[in-house]
């Protein structure tokens, strides 16, 4: 899940998690202080990952964030805050479907019949 947040205060994080994450979902975080404050309210494992070990414990997180930054900087040079969530949604859509190339025709037919 990616959601645009104006800031990362405890209240903003609480509202975002409540709105976008299922009650019984297990969340694993990087130990950021905001998450530590919310650990008792949600089913989350808060683990303090030292920055030197982050690439070992969370390898795809850094790759995905780096790729998202490059997309926003390269393609959407004049990104407006009001459209940022749309750009992130598009990035997630493409990232989650990057290995579907052999089945793309079948998936398009399914999508057409469902809408």
PDB file of N, CA and C in Angstrom:
ATOM      1  N   UNK A   1       0.832  -1.170   0.000  1.00  0.00           N
ATOM      2  CA  UNK A   1       0.000   0.000   0.000  1.00  0.00           C
ATOM      3  C   UNK A   1       0.879   1.235   0.000  1.00  0.00           C
ATOM      4  N   UNK A   2       0.566   2.157  -0.839  1.00  0.00           N
ATOM      5  CA  UNK A   2       1.219   3.456  -0.829  1.00  0.00           C
ATOM      6  C   UNK A   2       0.143   4.508  -0.746  1.00  0.00           C
ATOM      7  N   UNK A   3       0.320   5.444   0.147  1.00  0.00           N
ATOM      8  CA  UNK A   3      -0.625   6.543   0.283  1.00  0.00           C
ATOM      9  C   UNK A   3       0.154   7.823   0.522  1.00  0.00           C
ATOM     10  N   UNK A   4      -0.271   8.866  -0.120  1.00  0.00           N
ATOM     11  CA  UNK A   4       0.358  10.170   0.055  1.00  0.00           C
ATOM     12  C   UNK A   4      -0.100  10.750   1.386  1.00  0.00           C
ATOM     13  N   UNK A   5       0.855  11.192   2.188  1.00  0.00           N
ATOM     14  CA  UNK A   5       0.566  11.808   3.480  1.00  0.00           C
ATOM     15  C   UNK A   5       1.179  13.200   3.511  1.00  0.00           C
ATOM     16  N   UNK A   6       0.455  14.142   4.063  1.00  0.00           N
ATOM     17  CA  UNK A   6       0.963  15.509   4.165  1.00  0.00           C
ATOM     18  C   UNK A   6       2.146  15.579   5.120  1.00  0.00           C
ATOM     19  N   UNK A   7       2.124  14.759   6.154  1.00  0.00           N
ATOM     20  CA  UNK A   7       3.216  14.702   7.119  1.00  0.00           C
ATOM     21  C   UNK A   7       3.233  13.290   7.700  1.00  0.00           C
ATOM     22  N   UNK A   8       4.113  13.044   8.625  1.00  0.00           N
ATOM     23  CA  UNK A   8       4.158  11.706   9.198  1.00  0.00           C
ATOM     24  C   UNK A   8       4.077  11.753  10.707  1.00  0.00           C
ATOM     25  N   UNK A   9       3.079  12.467  11.170  1.00  0.00           N
ATOM     26  CA  UNK A   9       2.813  12.506  12.601  1.00  0.00           C
ATOM     27  C   UNK A   9       2.058  11.236  12.992  1.00  0.00           C
ATOM     28  N   UNK A  10       1.976  10.994  14.266  1.00  0.00           N
ATOM     29  CA  UNK A  10       1.282   9.806  14.762  1.00  0.00           C
ATOM     30  C   UNK A  10      -0.184   9.840  14.333  1.00  0.00           C
ATOM     31  N   UNK A  11      -0.821  10.986  14.425  1.00  0.00           N
ATOM     32  CA  UNK A  11      -2.244  11.099  14.069  1.00  0.00           C
ATOM     33  C   UNK A  11      -2.471  10.828  12.581  1.00  0.00           C
ATOM     34  N   UNK A  12      -1.617  11.368  11.723  1.00  0.00           N
ATOM     35  CA  UNK A  12      -1.747  11.136  10.282  1.00  0.00           C
ATOM     36  C   UNK A  12      -1.541   9.661   9.960  1.00  0.00           C
ATOM     37  N   UNK A  13      -0.526   9.051  10.557  1.00  0.00           N
ATOM     38  CA  UNK A  13      -0.266   7.631  10.326  1.00  0.00           C
ATOM     39  C   UNK A  13      -1.427   6.780  10.818  1.00  0.00           C
ATOM     40  N   UNK A  14      -1.979   7.101  11.987  1.00  0.00           N
ATOM     41  CA  UNK A  14      -3.121   6.364  12.535  1.00  0.00           C
ATOM     42  C   UNK A  14      -4.307   6.429  11.564  1.00  0.00           C
ATOM     43  N   UNK A  15      -4.625   7.614  11.070  1.00  0.00           N
ATOM     44  CA  UNK A  15      -5.748   7.777  10.139  1.00  0.00           C
ATOM     45  C   UNK A  15      -5.513   7.023   8.834  1.00  0.00           C
ATOM     46  N   UNK A  16      -4.294   7.086   8.315  1.00  0.00           N
ATOM     47  CA  UNK A  16      -3.975   6.402   7.057  1.00  0.00           C
ATOM     48  C   UNK A  16      -4.055   4.894   7.216  1.00  0.00           C
ATOM     49  N   UNK A  17      -3.502   4.365   8.298  1.00  0.00           N
ATOM     50  CA  UNK A  17      -3.543   2.921   8.538  1.00  0.00           C
ATOM     51  C   UNK A  17      -4.978   2.460   8.740  1.00  0.00           C
ATOM     52  N   UNK A  18      -5.752   3.206   9.498  1.00  0.00           N
ATOM     53  CA  UNK A  18      -7.148   2.842   9.746  1.00  0.00           C
ATOM     54  C   UNK A  18      -7.943   2.808   8.448  1.00  0.00           C
ATOM     55  N   UNK A  19      -7.682   3.754   7.566  1.00  0.00           N
ATOM     56  CA  UNK A  19      -8.431   3.868   6.314  1.00  0.00           C
ATOM     57  C   UNK A  19      -8.012   2.836   5.274  1.00  0.00           C
ATOM     58  N   UNK A  20      -6.724   2.447   5.228  1.00  0.00           N
ATOM     59  CA  UNK A  20      -6.221   1.642   4.117  1.00  0.00           C
ATOM     60  C   UNK A  20      -5.814   0.217   4.466  1.00  0.00           C
ATOM     61  N   UNK A  21      -5.737  -0.130   5.749  1.00  0.00           N
ATOM     62  CA  UNK A  21      -5.237  -1.445   6.131  1.00  0.00           C
ATOM     63  C   UNK A  21      -6.328  -2.193   6.895  1.00  0.00           C
ATOM     64  N   UNK A  22      -6.514  -3.466   6.550  1.00  0.00           N
ATOM     65  CA  UNK A  22      -7.518  -4.294   7.218  1.00  0.00           C
ATOM     66  C   UNK A  22      -7.170  -4.463   8.701  1.00  0.00           C
ATOM     67  N   UNK A  23      -8.201  -4.603   9.536  1.00  0.00           N
ATOM     68  CA  UNK A  23      -8.017  -4.717  10.979  1.00  0.00           C
ATOM     69  C   UNK A  23      -7.108  -5.883  11.367  1.00  0.00           C
ATOM     70  N   UNK A  24      -7.233  -7.009  10.670  1.00  0.00           N
ATOM     71  CA  UNK A  24      -6.472  -8.206  11.034  1.00  0.00           C
ATOM     72  C   UNK A  24      -5.156  -8.339  10.261  1.00  0.00           C
ATOM     73  N   UNK A  25      -4.769  -7.315   9.505  1.00  0.00           N
ATOM     74  CA  UNK A  25      -3.529  -7.373   8.732  1.00  0.00           C
ATOM     75  C   UNK A  25      -2.324  -7.283   9.661  1.00  0.00           C
ATOM     76  N   UNK A  26      -1.309  -8.043   9.356  1.00  0.00           N
ATOM     77  CA  UNK A  26      -0.065  -7.986  10.118  1.00  0.00           C
ATOM     78  C   UNK A  26       0.890  -7.060   9.373  1.00  0.00           C
ATOM     79  N   UNK A  27       1.346  -6.024  10.044  1.00  0.00           N
ATOM     80  CA  UNK A  27       2.246  -5.062   9.419  1.00  0.00           C
ATOM     81  C   UNK A  27       3.630  -5.217  10.020  1.00  0.00           C
ATOM     82  N   UNK A  28       4.623  -5.223   9.172  1.00  0.00           N
ATOM     83  CA  UNK A  28       6.014  -5.249   9.611  1.00  0.00           C
ATOM     84  C   UNK A  28       6.615  -3.909   9.224  1.00  0.00           C
ATOM     85  N   UNK A  29       7.166  -3.202  10.187  1.00  0.00           N
ATOM     86  CA  UNK A  29       7.685  -1.867   9.928  1.00  0.00           C
ATOM     87  C   UNK A  29       9.188  -1.816  10.174  1.00  0.00           C
ATOM     88  N   UNK A  30       9.756  -0.666   9.881  1.00  0.00           N
ATOM     89  CA  UNK A  30      11.195  -0.480  10.038  1.00  0.00           C
ATOM     90  C   UNK A  30      11.587   0.102  11.388  1.00  0.00           C
ATOM     91  N   UNK A  31      10.662   0.234  12.298  1.00  0.00           N
ATOM     92  CA  UNK A  31      10.983   0.731  13.622  1.00  0.00           C
ATOM     93  C   UNK A  31      10.976   2.241  13.748  1.00  0.00           C
ATOM     94  N   UNK A  32      10.437   2.933  12.762  1.00  0.00           N
ATOM     95  CA  UNK A  32      10.345   4.384  12.827  1.00  0.00           C
ATOM     96  C   UNK A  32       9.531   4.784  14.068  1.00  0.00           C
ATOM     97  N   UNK A  33       9.861   5.890  14.691  1.00  0.00           N
ATOM     98  CA  UNK A  33       9.249   6.268  15.973  1.00  0.00           C
ATOM     99  C   UNK A  33       7.730   6.400  15.889  1.00  0.00           C
ATOM    100  N   UNK A  34       7.209   6.838  14.749  1.00  0.00           N
ATOM    101  CA  UNK A  34       5.757   6.931  14.592  1.00  0.00           C
ATOM    102  C   UNK A  34       5.119   5.559  14.716  1.00  0.00           C
ATOM    103  N   UNK A  35       5.716   4.545  14.090  1.00  0.00           N
ATOM    104  CA  UNK A  35       5.185   3.183  14.183  1.00  0.00           C
ATOM    105  C   UNK A  35       5.287   2.653  15.607  1.00  0.00           C
ATOM    106  N   UNK A  36       6.372   2.963  16.282  1.00  0.00           N
ATOM    107  CA  UNK A  36       6.537   2.492  17.654  1.00  0.00           C
ATOM    108  C   UNK A  36       5.436   3.049  18.549  1.00  0.00           C
ATOM    109  N   UNK A  37       5.002   4.275  18.288  1.00  0.00           N
ATOM    110  CA  UNK A  37       3.925   4.878  19.071  1.00  0.00           C
ATOM    111  C   UNK A  37       2.588   4.187  18.817  1.00  0.00           C
ATOM    112  N   UNK A  38       2.426   3.595  17.632  1.00  0.00           N
ATOM    113  CA  UNK A  38       1.150   2.965  17.260  1.00  0.00           C
ATOM    114  C   UNK A  38       1.143   1.447  17.444  1.00  0.00           C
ATOM    115  N   UNK A  39       2.234   0.876  17.884  1.00  0.00           N
ATOM    116  CA  UNK A  39       2.365  -0.586  17.943  1.00  0.00           C
ATOM    117  C   UNK A  39       1.276  -1.240  18.780  1.00  0.00           C
ATOM    118  N   UNK A  40       0.829  -0.612  19.836  1.00  0.00           N
ATOM    119  CA  UNK A  40      -0.196  -1.201  20.680  1.00  0.00           C
ATOM    120  C   UNK A  40      -1.598  -1.129  20.092  1.00  0.00           C
ATOM    121  N   UNK A  41      -1.803  -0.240  19.132  1.00  0.00           N
ATOM    122  CA  UNK A  41      -3.130  -0.035  18.551  1.00  0.00           C
ATOM    123  C   UNK A  41      -3.417  -0.944  17.362  1.00  0.00           C
ATOM    124  N   UNK A  42      -2.392  -1.404  16.680  1.00  0.00           N
ATOM    125  CA  UNK A  42      -2.561  -2.213  15.477  1.00  0.00           C
ATOM    126  C   UNK A  42      -1.725  -3.485  15.603  1.00  0.00           C
ATOM    127  N   UNK A  43      -2.079  -4.487  14.801  1.00  0.00           N
ATOM    128  CA  UNK A  43      -1.312  -5.732  14.793  1.00  0.00           C
ATOM    129  C   UNK A  43      -0.072  -5.522  13.930  1.00  0.00           C
ATOM    130  N   UNK A  44       0.966  -4.959  14.524  1.00  0.00           N
ATOM    131  CA  UNK A  44       2.181  -4.711  13.753  1.00  0.00           C
ATOM    132  C   UNK A  44       3.400  -5.162  14.543  1.00  0.00           C
ATOM    133  N   UNK A  45       4.381  -5.641  13.796  1.00  0.00           N
ATOM    134  CA  UNK A  45       5.673  -5.977  14.375  1.00  0.00           C
ATOM    135  C   UNK A  45       6.594  -4.800  14.090  1.00  0.00           C
ATOM    136  N   UNK A  46       7.010  -4.121  15.127  1.00  0.00           N
ATOM    137  CA  UNK A  46       7.915  -2.993  14.974  1.00  0.00           C
ATOM    138  C   UNK A  46       9.318  -3.493  15.228  1.00  0.00           C
ATOM    139  N   UNK A  47      10.130  -3.458  14.209  1.00  0.00           N
ATOM    140  CA  UNK A  47      11.492  -3.944  14.322  1.00  0.00           C
ATOM    141  C   UNK A  47      12.441  -2.809  13.956  1.00  0.00           C
ATOM    142  N   UNK A  48      13.367  -2.535  14.802  1.00  0.00           N
ATOM    143  CA  UNK A  48      14.349  -1.487  14.537  1.00  0.00           C
ATOM    144  C   UNK A  48      15.410  -2.069  13.617  1.00  0.00           C
ATOM    145  N   UNK A  49      15.429  -1.629  12.374  1.00  0.00           N
ATOM    146  CA  UNK A  49      16.391  -2.113  11.393  1.00  0.00           C
ATOM    147  C   UNK A  49      17.475  -1.048  11.245  1.00  0.00           C
ATOM    148  N   UNK A  50      18.699  -1.353  11.660  1.00  0.00           N
ATOM    149  CA  UNK A  50      19.771  -0.369  11.468  1.00  0.00           C
ATOM    150  C   UNK A  50      19.957  -0.050   9.983  1.00  0.00           C
ATOM    151  N   UNK A  51      20.295   1.193   9.661  1.00  0.00           N
ATOM    152  CA  UNK A  51      20.377   1.615   8.268  1.00  0.00           C
ATOM    153  C   UNK A  51      21.366   0.784   7.462  1.00  0.00           C
ATOM    154  N   UNK A  52      22.409   0.259   8.099  1.00  0.00           N
ATOM    155  CA  UNK A  52      23.378  -0.557   7.370  1.00  0.00           C
ATOM    156  C   UNK A  52      22.823  -1.938   7.032  1.00  0.00           C
ATOM    157  N   UNK A  53      21.768  -2.367   7.712  1.00  0.00           N
ATOM    158  CA  UNK A  53      21.172  -3.672   7.447  1.00  0.00           C
ATOM    159  C   UNK A  53      19.863  -3.560   6.667  1.00  0.00           C
ATOM    160  N   UNK A  54      19.433  -2.366   6.386  1.00  0.00           N
ATOM    161  CA  UNK A  54      18.136  -2.180   5.724  1.00  0.00           C
ATOM    162  C   UNK A  54      18.100  -2.857   4.363  1.00  0.00           C
ATOM    163  N   UNK A  55      19.175  -2.789   3.602  1.00  0.00           N
ATOM    164  CA  UNK A  55      19.180  -3.413   2.280  1.00  0.00           C
ATOM    165  C   UNK A  55      19.128  -4.938   2.361  1.00  0.00           C
ATOM    166  N   UNK A  56      19.495  -5.508   3.510  1.00  0.00           N
ATOM    167  CA  UNK A  56      19.434  -6.955   3.696  1.00  0.00           C
ATOM    168  C   UNK A  56      18.026  -7.375   4.125  1.00  0.00           C
ATOM    169  N   UNK A  57      17.447  -6.657   5.073  1.00  0.00           N
ATOM    170  CA  UNK A  57      16.132  -7.024   5.612  1.00  0.00           C
ATOM    171  C   UNK A  57      14.979  -6.552   4.732  1.00  0.00           C
ATOM    172  N   UNK A  58      15.143  -5.435   4.050  1.00  0.00           N
ATOM    173  CA  UNK A  58      14.079  -4.862   3.228  1.00  0.00           C
ATOM    174  C   UNK A  58      14.591  -4.535   1.822  1.00  0.00           C
ATOM    175  N   UNK A  59      15.107  -5.520   1.076  1.00  0.00           N
ATOM    176  CA  UNK A  59      15.767  -5.199  -0.186  1.00  0.00           C
ATOM    177  C   UNK A  59      14.856  -4.580  -1.241  1.00  0.00           C
ATOM    178  N   UNK A  60      13.654  -5.083  -1.407  1.00  0.00           N
ATOM    179  CA  UNK A  60      12.778  -4.579  -2.468  1.00  0.00           C
ATOM    180  C   UNK A  60      12.146  -3.250  -2.116  1.00  0.00           C
ATOM    181  N   UNK A  61      12.096  -2.921  -0.839  1.00  0.00           N
ATOM    182  CA  UNK A  61      11.532  -1.634  -0.438  1.00  0.00           C
ATOM    183  C   UNK A  61      12.379  -0.503  -0.996  1.00  0.00           C
ATOM    184  N   UNK A  62      13.681  -0.607  -0.831  1.00  0.00           N
ATOM    185  CA  UNK A  62      14.572   0.443  -1.316  1.00  0.00           C
ATOM    186  C   UNK A  62      14.565   0.515  -2.844  1.00  0.00           C
ATOM    187  N   UNK A  63      14.498  -0.634  -3.500  1.00  0.00           N
ATOM    188  CA  UNK A  63      14.437  -0.657  -4.964  1.00  0.00           C
ATOM    189  C   UNK A  63      13.159   0.001  -5.452  1.00  0.00           C
ATOM    190  N   UNK A  64      12.030  -0.351  -4.847  1.00  0.00           N
ATOM    191  CA  UNK A  64      10.742   0.220  -5.271  1.00  0.00           C
ATOM    192  C   UNK A  64      10.693   1.722  -5.026  1.00  0.00           C
ATOM    193  N   UNK A  65      11.172   2.173  -3.864  1.00  0.00           N
ATOM    194  CA  UNK A  65      11.164   3.610  -3.572  1.00  0.00           C
ATOM    195  C   UNK A  65      12.080   4.351  -4.538  1.00  0.00           C
ATOM    196  N   UNK A  66      13.255   3.799  -4.815  1.00  0.00           N
ATOM    197  CA  UNK A  66      14.174   4.426  -5.763  1.00  0.00           C
ATOM    198  C   UNK A  66      13.572   4.523  -7.161  1.00  0.00           C
ATOM    199  N   UNK A  67      12.916   3.446  -7.591  1.00  0.00           N
ATOM    200  CA  UNK A  67      12.271   3.462  -8.911  1.00  0.00           C
ATOM    201  C   UNK A  67      11.125   4.464  -8.956  1.00  0.00           C
ATOM    202  N   UNK A  68      10.349   4.542  -7.900  1.00  0.00           N
ATOM    203  CA  UNK A  68       9.240   5.509  -7.865  1.00  0.00           C
ATOM    204  C   UNK A  68       9.772   6.937  -7.942  1.00  0.00           C
ATOM    205  N   UNK A  69      10.854   7.212  -7.235  1.00  0.00           N
ATOM    206  CA  UNK A  69      11.450   8.547  -7.291  1.00  0.00           C
ATOM    207  C   UNK A  69      11.917   8.885  -8.699  1.00  0.00           C
ATOM    208  N   UNK A  70      12.562   7.928  -9.355  1.00  0.00           N
ATOM    209  CA  UNK A  70      13.054   8.173 -10.711  1.00  0.00           C
ATOM    210  C   UNK A  70      11.904   8.409 -11.691  1.00  0.00           C
ATOM    211  N   UNK A  71      10.821   7.656 -11.538  1.00  0.00           N
ATOM    212  CA  UNK A  71       9.659   7.857 -12.404  1.00  0.00           C
ATOM    213  C   UNK A  71       9.087   9.257 -12.202  1.00  0.00           C
ATOM    214  N   UNK A  72       8.915   9.647 -10.954  1.00  0.00           N
ATOM    215  CA  UNK A  72       8.348  10.971 -10.673  1.00  0.00           C
ATOM    216  C   UNK A  72       9.264  12.092 -11.142  1.00  0.00           C
ATOM    217  N   UNK A  73      10.569  11.919 -10.985  1.00  0.00           N
ATOM    218  CA  UNK A  73      11.508  12.953 -11.410  1.00  0.00           C
ATOM    219  C   UNK A  73      11.673  12.994 -12.916  1.00  0.00           C
ATOM    220  N   UNK A  74      11.612  11.836 -13.564  1.00  0.00           N
ATOM    221  CA  UNK A  74      11.866  11.771 -14.998  1.00  0.00           C
ATOM    222  C   UNK A  74      10.657  12.038 -15.868  1.00  0.00           C
ATOM    223  N   UNK A  75       9.570  11.347 -15.600  1.00  0.00           N
ATOM    224  CA  UNK A  75       8.389  11.447 -16.453  1.00  0.00           C
ATOM    225  C   UNK A  75       7.497  12.596 -16.020  1.00  0.00           C
ATOM    226  N   UNK A  76       7.256  12.686 -14.757  1.00  0.00           N
ATOM    227  CA  UNK A  76       6.342  13.695 -14.233  1.00  0.00           C
ATOM    228  C   UNK A  76       7.151  14.819 -13.588  1.00  0.00           C
ATOM    229  N   UNK A  77       7.849  15.586 -14.399  1.00  0.00           N
ATOM    230  CA  UNK A  77       8.759  16.608 -13.883  1.00  0.00           C
ATOM    231  C   UNK A  77       8.041  17.706 -13.113  1.00  0.00           C
ATOM    232  N   UNK A  78       6.819  17.957 -13.461  1.00  0.00           N
ATOM    233  CA  UNK A  78       6.063  19.018 -12.803  1.00  0.00           C
ATOM    234  C   UNK A  78       4.910  18.407 -12.011  1.00  0.00           C
ATOM    235  N   UNK A  79       5.242  17.496 -11.117  1.00  0.00           N
ATOM    236  CA  UNK A  79       4.242  16.796 -10.323  1.00  0.00           C
ATOM    237  C   UNK A  79       3.539  17.766  -9.378  1.00  0.00           C
ATOM    238  N   UNK A  80       2.228  17.776  -9.458  1.00  0.00           N
ATOM    239  CA  UNK A  80       1.444  18.607  -8.544  1.00  0.00           C
ATOM    240  C   UNK A  80       0.954  17.732  -7.402  1.00  0.00           C
ATOM    241  N   UNK A  81       0.920  18.276  -6.193  1.00  0.00           N
ATOM    242  CA  UNK A  81       0.517  17.475  -5.023  1.00  0.00           C
ATOM    243  C   UNK A  81      -0.857  16.823  -5.180  1.00  0.00           C
ATOM    244  N   UNK A  82      -1.772  17.479  -5.858  1.00  0.00           N
ATOM    245  CA  UNK A  82      -3.110  16.930  -6.021  1.00  0.00           C
ATOM    246  C   UNK A  82      -3.153  15.661  -6.859  1.00  0.00           C
ATOM    247  N   UNK A  83      -2.143  15.443  -7.686  1.00  0.00           N
ATOM    248  CA  UNK A  83      -2.107  14.275  -8.561  1.00  0.00           C
ATOM    249  C   UNK A  83      -1.103  13.230  -8.095  1.00  0.00           C
ATOM    250  N   UNK A  84      -0.402  13.483  -7.006  1.00  0.00           N
ATOM    251  CA  UNK A  84       0.647  12.581  -6.553  1.00  0.00           C
ATOM    252  C   UNK A  84       0.118  11.180  -6.260  1.00  0.00           C
ATOM    253  N   UNK A  85      -1.048  11.066  -5.633  1.00  0.00           N
ATOM    254  CA  UNK A  85      -1.601   9.735  -5.341  1.00  0.00           C
ATOM    255  C   UNK A  85      -1.895   8.986  -6.638  1.00  0.00           C
ATOM    256  N   UNK A  86      -2.376   9.681  -7.669  1.00  0.00           N
ATOM    257  CA  UNK A  86      -2.629   9.028  -8.964  1.00  0.00           C
ATOM    258  C   UNK A  86      -1.334   8.495  -9.565  1.00  0.00           C
ATOM    259  N   UNK A  87      -0.260   9.282  -9.477  1.00  0.00           N
ATOM    260  CA  UNK A  87       1.022   8.836 -10.006  1.00  0.00           C
ATOM    261  C   UNK A  87       1.542   7.618  -9.242  1.00  0.00           C
ATOM    262  N   UNK A  88       1.403   7.628  -7.922  1.00  0.00           N
ATOM    263  CA  UNK A  88       1.836   6.476  -7.127  1.00  0.00           C
ATOM    264  C   UNK A  88       0.983   5.239  -7.420  1.00  0.00           C
ATOM    265  N   UNK A  89      -0.315   5.439  -7.608  1.00  0.00           N
ATOM    266  CA  UNK A  89      -1.193   4.312  -7.952  1.00  0.00           C
ATOM    267  C   UNK A  89      -0.793   3.700  -9.293  1.00  0.00           C
ATOM    268  N   UNK A  90      -0.478   4.556 -10.255  1.00  0.00           N
ATOM    269  CA  UNK A  90      -0.034   4.063 -11.561  1.00  0.00           C
ATOM    270  C   UNK A  90       1.278   3.296 -11.438  1.00  0.00           C
ATOM    271  N   UNK A  91       2.210   3.828 -10.647  1.00  0.00           N
ATOM    272  CA  UNK A  91       3.489   3.145 -10.437  1.00  0.00           C
ATOM    273  C   UNK A  91       3.261   1.766  -9.807  1.00  0.00           C
ATOM    274  N   UNK A  92       2.413   1.687  -8.784  1.00  0.00           N
ATOM    275  CA  UNK A  92       2.120   0.403  -8.129  1.00  0.00           C
ATOM    276  C   UNK A  92       1.461  -0.570  -9.095  1.00  0.00           C
ATOM    277  N   UNK A  93       0.540  -0.072  -9.908  1.00  0.00           N
ATOM    278  CA  UNK A  93      -0.145  -0.913 -10.888  1.00  0.00           C
ATOM    279  C   UNK A  93       0.873  -1.543 -11.835  1.00  0.00           C
ATOM    280  N   UNK A  94       1.774  -0.731 -12.357  1.00  0.00           N
ATOM    281  CA  UNK A  94       2.783  -1.235 -13.297  1.00  0.00           C
ATOM    282  C   UNK A  94       3.775  -2.167 -12.601  1.00  0.00           C
ATOM    283  N   UNK A  95       4.182  -1.813 -11.389  1.00  0.00           N
ATOM    284  CA  UNK A  95       5.132  -2.645 -10.653  1.00  0.00           C
ATOM    285  C   UNK A  95       4.541  -4.017 -10.358  1.00  0.00           C
ATOM    286  N   UNK A  96       3.278  -4.066  -9.969  1.00  0.00           N
ATOM    287  CA  UNK A  96       2.637  -5.336  -9.634  1.00  0.00           C
ATOM    288  C   UNK A  96       2.351  -6.198 -10.851  1.00  0.00           C
ATOM    289  N   UNK A  97       2.406  -5.630 -12.038  1.00  0.00           N
ATOM    290  CA  UNK A  97       2.111  -6.382 -13.255  1.00  0.00           C
ATOM    291  C   UNK A  97       3.320  -6.521 -14.178  1.00  0.00           C
ATOM    292  N   UNK A  98       4.508  -6.320 -13.677  1.00  0.00           N
ATOM    293  CA  UNK A  98       5.697  -6.313 -14.516  1.00  0.00           C
ATOM    294  C   UNK A  98       6.036  -7.679 -15.104  1.00  0.00           C
ATOM    295  N   UNK A  99       5.532  -8.758 -14.538  1.00  0.00           N
ATOM    296  CA  UNK A  99       5.837 -10.089 -15.054  1.00  0.00           C
ATOM    297  C   UNK A  99       4.668 -10.713 -15.816  1.00  0.00           C
ATOM    298  N   UNK A 100       3.673  -9.935 -16.176  1.00  0.00           N
ATOM    299  CA  UNK A 100       2.492 -10.472 -16.842  1.00  0.00           C
ATOM    300  C   UNK A 100       2.592 -10.460 -18.365  1.00  0.00           C
ATOM    301  N   UNK A 101       3.759 -10.191 -18.931  1.00  0.00           N
ATOM    302  CA  UNK A 101       3.853  -9.955 -20.364  1.00  0.00           C
ATOM    303  C   UNK A 101       3.328 -11.102 -21.218  1.00  0.00           C
ATOM    304  N   UNK A 102       3.505 -12.355 -20.791  1.00  0.00           N
ATOM    305  CA  UNK A 102       3.020 -13.484 -21.580  1.00  0.00           C
ATOM    306  C   UNK A 102       1.506 -13.643 -21.498  1.00  0.00           C
ATOM    307  N   UNK A 103       0.905 -13.178 -20.425  1.00  0.00           N
ATOM    308  CA  UNK A 103      -0.529 -13.339 -20.223  1.00  0.00           C
ATOM    309  C   UNK A 103      -1.302 -12.045 -20.462  1.00  0.00           C
ATOM    310  N   UNK A 104      -0.685 -11.050 -21.030  1.00  0.00           N
ATOM    311  CA  UNK A 104      -1.313  -9.737 -21.110  1.00  0.00           C
ATOM    312  C   UNK A 104      -2.606  -9.763 -21.934  1.00  0.00           C
ATOM    313  N   UNK A 105      -2.629 -10.506 -23.026  1.00  0.00           N
ATOM    314  CA  UNK A 105      -3.840 -10.551 -23.848  1.00  0.00           C
ATOM    315  C   UNK A 105      -4.997 -11.170 -23.075  1.00  0.00           C
ATOM    316  N   UNK A 106      -4.739 -12.274 -22.386  1.00  0.00           N
ATOM    317  CA  UNK A 106      -5.783 -12.917 -21.581  1.00  0.00           C
ATOM    318  C   UNK A 106      -6.278 -11.983 -20.481  1.00  0.00           C
ATOM    319  N   UNK A 107      -5.380 -11.263 -19.857  1.00  0.00           N
ATOM    320  CA  UNK A 107      -5.763 -10.338 -18.784  1.00  0.00           C
ATOM    321  C   UNK A 107      -6.586  -9.168 -19.314  1.00  0.00           C
ATOM    322  N   UNK A 108      -6.271  -8.703 -20.503  1.00  0.00           N
ATOM    323  CA  UNK A 108      -7.063  -7.627 -21.106  1.00  0.00           C
ATOM    324  C   UNK A 108      -8.474  -8.118 -21.403  1.00  0.00           C
ATOM    325  N   UNK A 109      -8.596  -9.327 -21.907  1.00  0.00           N
ATOM    326  CA  UNK A 109      -9.931  -9.874 -22.175  1.00  0.00           C
ATOM    327  C   UNK A 109     -10.732 -10.015 -20.886  1.00  0.00           C
ATOM    328  N   UNK A 110     -10.103 -10.494 -19.846  1.00  0.00           N
ATOM    329  CA  UNK A 110     -10.792 -10.621 -18.545  1.00  0.00           C
ATOM    330  C   UNK A 110     -11.231  -9.260 -18.039  1.00  0.00           C
ATOM    331  N   UNK A 111     -10.337  -8.278 -18.127  1.00  0.00           N
ATOM    332  CA  UNK A 111     -10.690  -6.922 -17.665  1.00  0.00           C
ATOM    333  C   UNK A 111     -11.845  -6.346 -18.468  1.00  0.00           C
ATOM    334  N   UNK A 112     -11.848  -6.611 -19.780  1.00  0.00           N
ATOM    335  CA  UNK A 112     -12.952  -6.092 -20.622  1.00  0.00           C
ATOM    336  C   UNK A 112     -14.282  -6.751 -20.269  1.00  0.00           C
ATOM    337  N   UNK A 113     -14.265  -8.024 -19.972  1.00  0.00           N
ATOM    338  CA  UNK A 113     -15.521  -8.707 -19.666  1.00  0.00           C
ATOM    339  C   UNK A 113     -16.048  -8.348 -18.291  1.00  0.00           C
ATOM    340  N   UNK A 114     -15.157  -7.958 -17.372  1.00  0.00           N
ATOM    341  CA  UNK A 114     -15.592  -7.604 -16.028  1.00  0.00           C
ATOM    342  C   UNK A 114     -16.121  -6.183 -15.910  1.00  0.00           C
ATOM    343  N   UNK A 115     -15.815  -5.329 -16.869  1.00  0.00           N
ATOM    344  CA  UNK A 115     -16.280  -3.937 -16.774  1.00  0.00           C
ATOM    345  C   UNK A 115     -17.463  -3.666 -17.663  1.00  0.00           C
TER     346      UNK A 115
END
